[in-house]
Amino acid sequence: MLAENLILLRNMKGMSQEQIAEVIGISRQSYAKWEQGETVPDIEKCDRLAKFYDITIDALLHQENTVGNTRLAPAPPGKHLWGTVTIGSKGQIVIPKAARDIFNLNSGDRLIVLGDEAEGIALVKAEEFEKKMRETLRLSQQAAGVE
């Protein structure tokens, strides 16, 4: 996984092996060996790589995300990919348990469905969305001198 993650992360940055090696403070040949799986970086180099790519060391070494047959690079801390869900005949989806746990979603919770035709769909807890809307309204009224 480490070798694949290094290749994906480097390509996402649009950088060469030479450029990454320079940032980490090693030779291009050493970096190439990491990407080929011939050797592995020591913990100090892993830390530098993780910081440079804005991911955790654990994600660098262990994260293996895919969507269908497409391998994805590790996500930054606080970002998640739980895979795909299937839409039922009435439009229902099952939110993965890990997502429900992290976002404290429980049976009966209300969610706002947001959409952007270019970007897709997002789900937001209704209470949080409503709280932000009230705050936005309050600030706009305050700016307009309406209060």
N, C-alpha and C. Protein backbone atom coordinates (compact mmCIF):
# COMPACT_ATOMS: atom_id res chain seq x y z
N MET A 1 0.81 -1.20 0.00
CA MET A 1 0.00 0.00 0.00
C MET A 1 0.85 1.26 0.00
N LEU A 2 1.97 1.24 0.73
CA LEU A 2 2.81 2.43 0.81
C LEU A 2 3.27 2.87 -0.59
N ALA A 3 3.78 1.94 -1.37
CA ALA A 3 4.28 2.28 -2.71
C ALA A 3 3.16 2.88 -3.56
N GLU A 4 1.98 2.26 -3.54
CA GLU A 4 0.85 2.78 -4.33
C GLU A 4 0.43 4.16 -3.83
N ASN A 5 0.39 4.34 -2.51
CA ASN A 5 0.00 5.64 -1.96
C ASN A 5 1.00 6.72 -2.35
N LEU A 6 2.28 6.40 -2.33
CA LEU A 6 3.30 7.39 -2.72
C LEU A 6 3.12 7.81 -4.17
N ILE A 7 2.83 6.87 -5.05
CA ILE A 7 2.62 7.18 -6.46
C ILE A 7 1.39 8.07 -6.63
N LEU A 8 0.28 7.68 -5.99
CA LEU A 8 -0.96 8.45 -6.10
C LEU A 8 -0.79 9.87 -5.57
N LEU A 9 -0.20 9.98 -4.39
CA LEU A 9 -0.03 11.30 -3.77
C LEU A 9 0.89 12.19 -4.59
N ARG A 10 1.98 11.64 -5.10
CA ARG A 10 2.90 12.43 -5.93
C ARG A 10 2.20 12.89 -7.20
N ASN A 11 1.47 12.00 -7.84
CA ASN A 11 0.76 12.37 -9.07
C ASN A 11 -0.30 13.43 -8.81
N MET A 12 -0.98 13.34 -7.67
CA MET A 12 -1.98 14.36 -7.33
C MET A 12 -1.34 15.73 -7.18
N LYS A 13 -0.12 15.78 -6.69
CA LYS A 13 0.61 17.05 -6.54
C LYS A 13 1.19 17.52 -7.88
N GLY A 14 1.21 16.60 -8.87
CA GLY A 14 1.77 16.95 -10.17
C GLY A 14 3.28 17.15 -10.11
N MET A 15 3.94 16.38 -9.27
CA MET A 15 5.38 16.55 -9.08
C MET A 15 6.13 15.32 -9.56
N SER A 16 7.40 15.50 -9.84
CA SER A 16 8.26 14.39 -10.25
C SER A 16 8.86 13.71 -9.01
N GLN A 17 9.41 12.53 -9.22
CA GLN A 17 10.12 11.86 -8.13
C GLN A 17 11.27 12.74 -7.64
N GLU A 18 11.93 13.38 -8.56
CA GLU A 18 13.06 14.27 -8.22
C GLU A 18 12.60 15.39 -7.29
N GLN A 19 11.48 16.00 -7.60
CA GLN A 19 10.98 17.11 -6.79
C GLN A 19 10.60 16.64 -5.38
N ILE A 20 9.92 15.51 -5.28
CA ILE A 20 9.54 14.99 -3.96
C ILE A 20 10.78 14.62 -3.17
N ALA A 21 11.73 13.97 -3.83
CA ALA A 21 12.97 13.58 -3.16
C ALA A 21 13.69 14.79 -2.58
N GLU A 22 13.68 15.88 -3.33
CA GLU A 22 14.33 17.11 -2.85
C GLU A 22 13.62 17.65 -1.61
N VAL A 23 12.30 17.64 -1.61
CA VAL A 23 11.52 18.11 -0.46
C VAL A 23 11.83 17.27 0.78
N ILE A 24 11.94 15.95 0.59
CA ILE A 24 12.16 15.03 1.70
C ILE A 24 13.63 15.00 2.13
N GLY A 25 14.52 15.37 1.23
CA GLY A 25 15.95 15.39 1.54
C GLY A 25 16.65 14.08 1.26
N ILE A 26 16.26 13.44 0.16
CA ILE A 26 16.86 12.17 -0.24
C ILE A 26 17.16 12.21 -1.73
N SER A 27 17.77 11.14 -2.24
CA SER A 27 18.03 11.07 -3.68
C SER A 27 16.78 10.60 -4.42
N ARG A 28 16.70 10.93 -5.71
CA ARG A 28 15.59 10.46 -6.53
C ARG A 28 15.58 8.94 -6.59
N GLN A 29 16.75 8.34 -6.62
CA GLN A 29 16.84 6.88 -6.68
C GLN A 29 16.24 6.23 -5.43
N SER A 30 16.48 6.82 -4.28
CA SER A 30 15.90 6.29 -3.03
C SER A 30 14.38 6.39 -3.07
N TYR A 31 13.89 7.54 -3.53
CA TYR A 31 12.44 7.71 -3.61
C TYR A 31 11.84 6.72 -4.61
N ALA A 32 12.50 6.54 -5.73
CA ALA A 32 12.01 5.60 -6.75
C ALA A 32 11.91 4.19 -6.17
N LYS A 33 12.86 3.81 -5.34
CA LYS A 33 12.82 2.48 -4.72
C LYS A 33 11.62 2.35 -3.79
N TRP A 34 11.23 3.43 -3.12
CA TRP A 34 10.03 3.39 -2.26
C TRP A 34 8.79 3.16 -3.12
N GLU A 35 8.69 3.89 -4.25
CA GLU A 35 7.53 3.74 -5.13
C GLU A 35 7.49 2.37 -5.80
N GLN A 36 8.65 1.76 -5.99
CA GLN A 36 8.70 0.42 -6.60
C GLN A 36 8.52 -0.67 -5.56
N GLY A 37 8.48 -0.30 -4.28
CA GLY A 37 8.31 -1.28 -3.21
C GLY A 37 9.57 -2.06 -2.90
N GLU A 38 10.70 -1.60 -3.38
CA GLU A 38 11.96 -2.30 -3.13
C GLU A 38 12.49 -2.02 -1.73
N THR A 39 12.27 -0.79 -1.23
CA THR A 39 12.67 -0.41 0.13
C THR A 39 11.54 0.41 0.72
N VAL A 40 11.63 0.70 2.02
CA VAL A 40 10.64 1.54 2.69
C VAL A 40 11.37 2.65 3.44
N PRO A 41 10.73 3.81 3.54
CA PRO A 41 11.36 4.92 4.26
C PRO A 41 11.39 4.65 5.77
N ASP A 42 12.37 5.25 6.46
CA ASP A 42 12.39 5.15 7.91
C ASP A 42 11.28 6.05 8.47
N ILE A 43 11.05 5.97 9.76
CA ILE A 43 9.92 6.68 10.38
C ILE A 43 10.05 8.20 10.22
N GLU A 44 11.28 8.71 10.27
CA GLU A 44 11.48 10.15 10.09
C GLU A 44 11.05 10.59 8.69
N LYS A 45 11.41 9.81 7.69
CA LYS A 45 11.04 10.14 6.30
C LYS A 45 9.52 9.97 6.11
N CYS A 46 8.95 8.95 6.76
CA CYS A 46 7.48 8.78 6.70
C CYS A 46 6.79 10.01 7.27
N ASP A 47 7.33 10.53 8.37
CA ASP A 47 6.76 11.72 8.99
C ASP A 47 6.85 12.91 8.04
N ARG A 48 7.99 13.09 7.40
CA ARG A 48 8.14 14.19 6.43
C ARG A 48 7.16 14.05 5.27
N LEU A 49 7.03 12.82 4.76
CA LEU A 49 6.10 12.57 3.66
C LEU A 49 4.66 12.88 4.08
N ALA A 50 4.28 12.38 5.25
CA ALA A 50 2.91 12.60 5.74
C ALA A 50 2.62 14.08 5.90
N LYS A 51 3.55 14.82 6.47
CA LYS A 51 3.35 16.26 6.64
C LYS A 51 3.27 16.97 5.29
N PHE A 52 4.14 16.58 4.37
CA PHE A 52 4.14 17.21 3.05
C PHE A 52 2.81 16.96 2.33
N TYR A 53 2.29 15.74 2.44
CA TYR A 53 1.04 15.39 1.76
C TYR A 53 -0.20 15.71 2.60
N ASP A 54 -0.02 16.23 3.80
CA ASP A 54 -1.12 16.59 4.70
C ASP A 54 -2.01 15.39 5.00
N ILE A 55 -1.38 14.28 5.36
CA ILE A 55 -2.08 13.08 5.79
C ILE A 55 -1.38 12.54 7.03
N THR A 56 -1.96 11.53 7.66
CA THR A 56 -1.32 10.91 8.81
C THR A 56 -0.34 9.83 8.33
N ILE A 57 0.61 9.50 9.18
CA ILE A 57 1.53 8.41 8.86
C ILE A 57 0.75 7.11 8.68
N ASP A 58 -0.24 6.91 9.52
CA ASP A 58 -1.07 5.70 9.42
C ASP A 58 -1.74 5.62 8.04
N ALA A 59 -2.29 6.74 7.58
CA ALA A 59 -2.94 6.75 6.26
C ALA A 59 -1.91 6.49 5.16
N LEU A 60 -0.73 7.06 5.29
CA LEU A 60 0.32 6.85 4.30
C LEU A 60 0.67 5.37 4.17
N LEU A 61 0.78 4.70 5.31
CA LEU A 61 1.20 3.30 5.31
C LEU A 61 0.08 2.31 5.08
N HIS A 62 -1.13 2.63 5.57
CA HIS A 62 -2.18 1.61 5.62
C HIS A 62 -3.44 1.88 4.83
N GLN A 63 -3.72 3.14 4.51
CA GLN A 63 -5.01 3.45 3.89
C GLN A 63 -5.09 2.90 2.48
N GLU A 64 -6.20 2.21 2.21
CA GLU A 64 -6.41 1.62 0.89
C GLU A 64 -7.86 1.86 0.49
N ASN A 65 -8.11 3.03 -0.08
CA ASN A 65 -9.46 3.40 -0.49
C ASN A 65 -9.66 3.14 -1.98
N THR A 66 -10.83 2.61 -2.31
CA THR A 66 -11.19 2.43 -3.71
C THR A 66 -12.64 2.81 -3.90
N VAL A 67 -12.95 3.23 -5.10
CA VAL A 67 -14.33 3.41 -5.54
C VAL A 67 -14.43 2.57 -6.80
N GLY A 68 -15.19 1.49 -6.70
CA GLY A 68 -15.21 0.52 -7.79
C GLY A 68 -13.83 -0.09 -7.92
N ASN A 69 -13.25 0.01 -9.09
CA ASN A 69 -11.90 -0.51 -9.31
C ASN A 69 -10.83 0.58 -9.28
N THR A 70 -11.23 1.81 -8.93
CA THR A 70 -10.30 2.93 -8.93
C THR A 70 -9.70 3.13 -7.55
N ARG A 71 -8.38 3.10 -7.47
CA ARG A 71 -7.68 3.31 -6.21
C ARG A 71 -7.57 4.80 -5.96
N LEU A 72 -7.81 5.21 -4.71
CA LEU A 72 -7.75 6.62 -4.34
C LEU A 72 -6.61 6.87 -3.37
N ALA A 73 -6.07 8.07 -3.42
CA ALA A 73 -5.01 8.46 -2.49
C ALA A 73 -5.58 8.65 -1.10
N PRO A 74 -4.74 8.51 -0.07
CA PRO A 74 -5.20 8.74 1.31
C PRO A 74 -5.73 10.17 1.47
N ALA A 75 -6.75 10.31 2.29
CA ALA A 75 -7.37 11.61 2.52
C ALA A 75 -6.70 12.32 3.69
N PRO A 76 -6.76 13.64 3.71
CA PRO A 76 -6.23 14.40 4.85
C PRO A 76 -7.01 14.09 6.13
N PRO A 77 -6.44 14.39 7.28
CA PRO A 77 -7.16 14.17 8.55
C PRO A 77 -8.52 14.87 8.53
N GLY A 78 -9.53 14.20 9.02
CA GLY A 78 -10.87 14.76 9.07
C GLY A 78 -11.69 14.55 7.81
N LYS A 79 -11.07 14.04 6.76
CA LYS A 79 -11.76 13.75 5.51
C LYS A 79 -11.93 12.24 5.42
N HIS A 80 -13.05 11.79 4.88
CA HIS A 80 -13.36 10.36 4.85
C HIS A 80 -13.94 9.94 3.52
N LEU A 81 -13.71 8.70 3.19
CA LEU A 81 -14.36 8.07 2.05
C LEU A 81 -14.82 6.70 2.52
N TRP A 82 -16.11 6.49 2.53
CA TRP A 82 -16.66 5.23 3.02
C TRP A 82 -17.09 4.31 1.90
N GLY A 83 -16.80 4.64 0.69
CA GLY A 83 -17.19 3.77 -0.42
C GLY A 83 -18.49 4.22 -1.04
N THR A 84 -19.16 3.29 -1.67
CA THR A 84 -20.39 3.62 -2.39
C THR A 84 -21.60 3.10 -1.64
N VAL A 85 -22.74 3.68 -1.93
CA VAL A 85 -24.02 3.20 -1.43
C VAL A 85 -24.93 3.02 -2.63
N THR A 86 -25.95 2.20 -2.47
CA THR A 86 -26.90 1.95 -3.53
C THR A 86 -28.22 2.64 -3.21
N ILE A 87 -28.80 3.29 -4.19
CA ILE A 87 -30.09 3.96 -4.00
C ILE A 87 -31.19 2.92 -4.20
N GLY A 88 -32.08 2.83 -3.20
CA GLY A 88 -33.20 1.91 -3.29
C GLY A 88 -34.28 2.42 -4.23
N SER A 89 -35.29 1.62 -4.44
CA SER A 89 -36.35 1.94 -5.40
C SER A 89 -37.12 3.21 -5.04
N LYS A 90 -37.13 3.58 -3.77
CA LYS A 90 -37.82 4.80 -3.34
C LYS A 90 -36.85 5.92 -2.98
N GLY A 91 -35.60 5.78 -3.43
CA GLY A 91 -34.62 6.83 -3.20
C GLY A 91 -33.84 6.71 -1.89
N GLN A 92 -34.09 5.66 -1.12
CA GLN A 92 -33.42 5.53 0.17
C GLN A 92 -31.98 5.04 0.00
N ILE A 93 -31.12 5.49 0.92
CA ILE A 93 -29.74 5.01 0.96
C ILE A 93 -29.44 4.60 2.40
N VAL A 94 -28.47 3.74 2.56
CA VAL A 94 -28.00 3.38 3.90
C VAL A 94 -26.65 4.05 4.09
N ILE A 95 -26.58 4.91 5.09
CA ILE A 95 -25.33 5.59 5.41
C ILE A 95 -24.45 4.62 6.18
N PRO A 96 -23.20 4.42 5.75
CA PRO A 96 -22.32 3.46 6.42
C PRO A 96 -22.20 3.72 7.92
N LYS A 97 -22.08 2.65 8.70
CA LYS A 97 -22.03 2.75 10.15
C LYS A 97 -20.91 3.67 10.62
N ALA A 98 -19.73 3.57 10.02
CA ALA A 98 -18.62 4.43 10.43
C ALA A 98 -18.98 5.90 10.28
N ALA A 99 -19.69 6.25 9.21
CA ALA A 99 -20.12 7.63 9.00
C ALA A 99 -21.16 8.03 10.04
N ARG A 100 -22.10 7.13 10.31
CA ARG A 100 -23.12 7.42 11.34
C ARG A 100 -22.47 7.64 12.69
N ASP A 101 -21.45 6.85 13.00
CA ASP A 101 -20.77 6.98 14.29
C ASP A 101 -20.01 8.30 14.38
N ILE A 102 -19.24 8.63 13.36
CA ILE A 102 -18.43 9.85 13.40
C ILE A 102 -19.31 11.10 13.48
N PHE A 103 -20.41 11.10 12.75
CA PHE A 103 -21.28 12.28 12.70
C PHE A 103 -22.47 12.18 13.66
N ASN A 104 -22.45 11.16 14.51
CA ASN A 104 -23.49 10.97 15.51
C ASN A 104 -24.89 11.02 14.89
N LEU A 105 -25.08 10.23 13.85
CA LEU A 105 -26.37 10.14 13.18
C LEU A 105 -27.15 8.96 13.74
N ASN A 106 -28.38 9.20 14.11
CA ASN A 106 -29.21 8.16 14.71
C ASN A 106 -30.54 8.06 13.99
N SER A 107 -31.17 6.94 14.18
CA SER A 107 -32.50 6.73 13.59
C SER A 107 -33.42 7.88 13.98
N GLY A 108 -34.11 8.44 13.02
CA GLY A 108 -35.04 9.54 13.29
C GLY A 108 -34.42 10.92 13.13
N ASP A 109 -33.10 11.01 13.02
CA ASP A 109 -32.47 12.31 12.80
C ASP A 109 -32.92 12.88 11.47
N ARG A 110 -33.06 14.21 11.42
CA ARG A 110 -33.42 14.89 10.19
C ARG A 110 -32.16 15.37 9.49
N LEU A 111 -32.12 15.18 8.17
CA LEU A 111 -30.99 15.65 7.37
C LEU A 111 -31.50 16.56 6.27
N ILE A 112 -30.73 17.59 5.99
CA ILE A 112 -31.02 18.47 4.86
C ILE A 112 -30.24 17.91 3.66
N VAL A 113 -30.89 17.81 2.52
CA VAL A 113 -30.24 17.35 1.30
C VAL A 113 -29.94 18.58 0.46
N LEU A 114 -28.65 18.85 0.27
CA LEU A 114 -28.21 19.99 -0.52
C LEU A 114 -27.72 19.48 -1.86
N GLY A 115 -27.84 20.28 -2.90
CA GLY A 115 -27.39 19.83 -4.20
C GLY A 115 -26.79 20.94 -5.02
N ASP A 116 -25.81 20.58 -5.79
CA ASP A 116 -25.17 21.47 -6.74
C ASP A 116 -25.04 20.65 -8.01
N GLU A 117 -25.67 21.09 -9.09
CA GLU A 117 -25.70 20.30 -10.31
C GLU A 117 -24.31 19.99 -10.84
N ALA A 118 -23.33 20.82 -10.53
CA ALA A 118 -21.97 20.57 -10.99
C ALA A 118 -21.17 19.72 -9.99
N GLU A 119 -21.50 19.82 -8.70
CA GLU A 119 -20.69 19.17 -7.66
C GLU A 119 -21.33 17.93 -7.05
N GLY A 120 -22.65 17.86 -6.99
CA GLY A 120 -23.30 16.69 -6.42
C GLY A 120 -24.18 16.99 -5.23
N ILE A 121 -24.38 15.97 -4.41
CA ILE A 121 -25.31 16.03 -3.28
C ILE A 121 -24.54 15.99 -1.97
N ALA A 122 -25.04 16.71 -0.97
CA ALA A 122 -24.46 16.67 0.37
C ALA A 122 -25.59 16.54 1.38
N LEU A 123 -25.30 15.87 2.48
CA LEU A 123 -26.25 15.73 3.59
C LEU A 123 -25.71 16.49 4.79
N VAL A 124 -26.58 17.25 5.43
CA VAL A 124 -26.19 18.04 6.60
C VAL A 124 -27.27 17.84 7.66
N LYS A 125 -26.85 17.68 8.93
CA LYS A 125 -27.83 17.57 10.01
C LYS A 125 -28.72 18.82 10.00
N ALA A 126 -30.01 18.61 10.05
CA ALA A 126 -30.97 19.72 9.95
C ALA A 126 -30.74 20.76 11.04
N GLU A 127 -30.49 20.31 12.26
CA GLU A 127 -30.31 21.24 13.38
C GLU A 127 -29.11 22.16 13.14
N GLU A 128 -28.01 21.59 12.62
CA GLU A 128 -26.82 22.40 12.34
C GLU A 128 -27.08 23.39 11.21
N PHE A 129 -27.74 22.92 10.17
CA PHE A 129 -28.06 23.78 9.03
C PHE A 129 -28.96 24.93 9.47
N GLU A 130 -30.00 24.61 10.25
CA GLU A 130 -30.93 25.64 10.71
C GLU A 130 -30.24 26.65 11.62
N LYS A 131 -29.34 26.17 12.47
CA LYS A 131 -28.59 27.06 13.36
C LYS A 131 -27.73 28.03 12.53
N LYS A 132 -27.07 27.52 11.50
CA LYS A 132 -26.23 28.37 10.65
C LYS A 132 -27.09 29.38 9.88
N MET A 133 -28.26 28.95 9.43
CA MET A 133 -29.15 29.86 8.71
C MET A 133 -29.65 30.98 9.62
N ARG A 134 -30.01 30.64 10.86
CA ARG A 134 -30.44 31.67 11.81
C ARG A 134 -29.32 32.67 12.07
N GLU A 135 -28.09 32.17 12.23
CA GLU A 135 -26.94 33.04 12.47
C GLU A 135 -26.68 33.93 11.25
N THR A 136 -26.79 33.38 10.07
CA THR A 136 -26.61 34.15 8.84
C THR A 136 -27.66 35.25 8.74
N LEU A 137 -28.91 34.91 9.04
CA LEU A 137 -29.99 35.90 9.02
C LEU A 137 -29.73 37.00 10.04
N ARG A 138 -29.32 36.61 11.23
CA ARG A 138 -29.04 37.59 12.29
C ARG A 138 -27.93 38.54 11.85
N LEU A 139 -26.86 38.00 11.27
CA LEU A 139 -25.74 38.83 10.84
C LEU A 139 -26.14 39.76 9.69
N SER A 140 -26.96 39.26 8.76
CA SER A 140 -27.38 40.11 7.64
C SER A 140 -28.30 41.24 8.13
N GLN A 141 -29.16 40.93 9.10
CA GLN A 141 -30.03 41.96 9.66
C GLN A 141 -29.21 43.00 10.44
N GLN A 142 -28.22 42.49 11.15
CA GLN A 142 -27.35 43.39 11.92
C GLN A 142 -26.58 44.31 10.98
N ALA A 143 -26.09 43.77 9.88
CA ALA A 143 -25.34 44.59 8.90
C ALA A 143 -26.24 45.62 8.26
N ALA A 144 -27.52 45.27 8.09
CA ALA A 144 -28.47 46.19 7.47
C ALA A 144 -29.05 47.16 8.48
N GLY A 145 -28.69 47.01 9.76
CA GLY A 145 -29.18 47.89 10.81
C GLY A 145 -30.63 47.65 11.17
N VAL A 146 -31.13 46.43 10.96
CA VAL A 146 -32.55 46.11 11.18
C VAL A 146 -32.82 45.71 12.63
N GLU A 147 -31.94 45.10 13.30
CA GLU A 147 -32.17 44.53 14.62
C GLU A 147 -33.17 45.28 15.38
